[in-house]
Protein backbone atom coordinates (compact mmCIF):
# COMPACT_ATOMS: atom_id res chain seq x y z
CA MET A 1 97.97 90.41 36.89
CA ARG A 2 94.55 88.92 36.29
CA THR A 3 93.88 91.15 33.33
CA ALA A 4 97.24 90.19 31.80
CA ILE A 5 96.36 86.50 32.05
CA ALA A 6 92.88 87.10 30.64
CA THR A 7 94.37 89.18 27.83
CA GLY A 8 96.92 86.43 27.10
CA ILE A 9 94.22 83.79 27.00
CA LEU A 10 92.06 85.93 24.73
CA LEU A 11 95.04 86.62 22.48
CA LEU A 12 95.75 82.89 22.18
CA ALA A 13 92.08 82.24 21.41
CA VAL A 14 92.11 84.90 18.69
CA VAL A 15 95.32 83.50 17.15
CA ALA A 16 93.98 79.92 17.31
CA SER A 17 90.73 81.06 15.72
CA ALA A 18 92.61 82.85 12.93
CA VAL A 19 94.75 79.76 12.25
CA LEU A 20 91.63 77.59 12.08
CA VAL A 21 89.95 80.04 9.69
CA VAL A 22 92.99 79.96 7.39
CA ARG A 23 93.14 76.15 7.58
CA THR A 24 89.42 75.83 6.85
CA GLN A 25 89.65 78.20 3.87
CA HIS A 26 92.60 76.24 2.48
CA GLU A 27 90.71 72.97 2.89
CA ARG A 28 87.63 74.49 1.23
CA ARG A 29 89.70 75.64 -1.75
CA SER A 30 91.36 72.23 -2.05
CA LEU A 31 87.99 70.49 -1.98
CA PHE A 32 86.61 72.90 -4.57
CA VAL A 33 89.53 72.14 -6.90
CA GLU A 34 88.95 68.41 -6.39
CA LEU A 35 85.23 68.85 -7.09
CA ASP A 36 86.01 70.73 -10.30
CA GLU A 37 88.37 67.95 -11.42
CA LEU A 38 85.75 65.31 -10.64
CA ASP A 39 83.14 67.28 -12.61
CA GLU A 40 85.47 67.35 -15.61
CA ARG A 41 86.13 63.61 -15.26
CA ARG A 42 82.39 62.93 -15.04
CA ASP A 43 81.83 64.94 -18.22
CA ARG A 44 84.59 63.03 -20.06
CA LEU A 45 83.15 59.71 -18.89
CA GLN A 46 79.66 60.70 -20.02
CA VAL A 47 81.01 61.54 -23.48
CA GLU A 48 82.85 58.22 -23.60
CA TRP A 49 79.69 56.38 -22.45
CA GLY A 50 77.71 58.00 -25.25
CA LYS A 51 80.34 56.97 -27.81
CA LEU A 52 80.30 53.41 -26.47
CA GLN A 53 76.52 53.25 -26.71
CA ILE A 54 76.69 54.41 -30.34
CA GLU A 55 79.43 51.85 -31.03
CA GLN A 56 77.37 49.09 -29.41
CA SER A 57 74.31 49.95 -31.49
CA THR A 58 76.51 49.90 -34.61
CA TRP A 59 77.97 46.50 -33.78
CA ALA A 60 74.54 45.07 -32.98
CA ALA A 61 72.77 46.47 -36.06
CA SER A 62 70.76 43.67 -37.70
CA ASP A 63 71.91 44.50 -41.24
CA ARG A 64 75.55 44.25 -40.11
CA ILE A 65 74.90 40.91 -38.44
CA GLU A 66 73.12 39.59 -41.54
CA ARG A 67 76.00 40.73 -43.78
CA ILE A 68 78.62 39.04 -41.58
CA ALA A 69 76.52 35.87 -41.35
CA ALA A 70 76.28 35.78 -45.14
CA GLU A 71 79.93 36.60 -45.85
CA LYS A 72 81.76 34.65 -43.17
CA LEU A 73 79.35 31.85 -42.26
CA HIS A 74 77.56 31.52 -45.61
CA LEU A 75 74.18 31.79 -43.87
CA HIS A 76 71.18 33.35 -45.56
CA LEU A 77 67.63 34.18 -44.55
CA SER A 78 65.18 31.47 -45.49
CA ARG A 79 62.60 32.19 -48.15
CA ALA A 80 58.92 32.44 -47.29
CA GLY A 81 57.39 28.99 -47.10
CA ALA A 82 60.75 27.28 -46.64
CA THR A 83 60.47 27.36 -42.84
CA VAL A 84 58.82 24.39 -41.15
CA LEU A 85 57.67 24.59 -37.54
CA VAL A 86 58.01 21.34 -35.60
CA ALA A 87 56.07 21.15 -32.36
CA ALA A 88 56.72 18.51 -29.72
CA GLU A 89 53.81 16.45 -28.40
CA PRO A 90 52.87 17.27 -24.80
CA GLY A 91 54.52 14.79 -22.44
CA ASP A 92 57.52 14.02 -24.69
């Protein structure tokens, strides 16, 4: 009788252990798939970030800004000697 109970308990422990192994493996596979998807997303975001940095440098290029200032605002760079520096007196 005692050996039957011990055998039953051991059998339940083995079955429980097997179920936990299967569950753990399934969870590991699910997490691996999620990690792979996140890696792909990271790579796509890095590519997009690089494109945005290139776009920002294009929009901020000084020759582009000068051209727009000249065309739309009718502003031009001053000629040498045409710039006057006005300094305030200390205490004003």
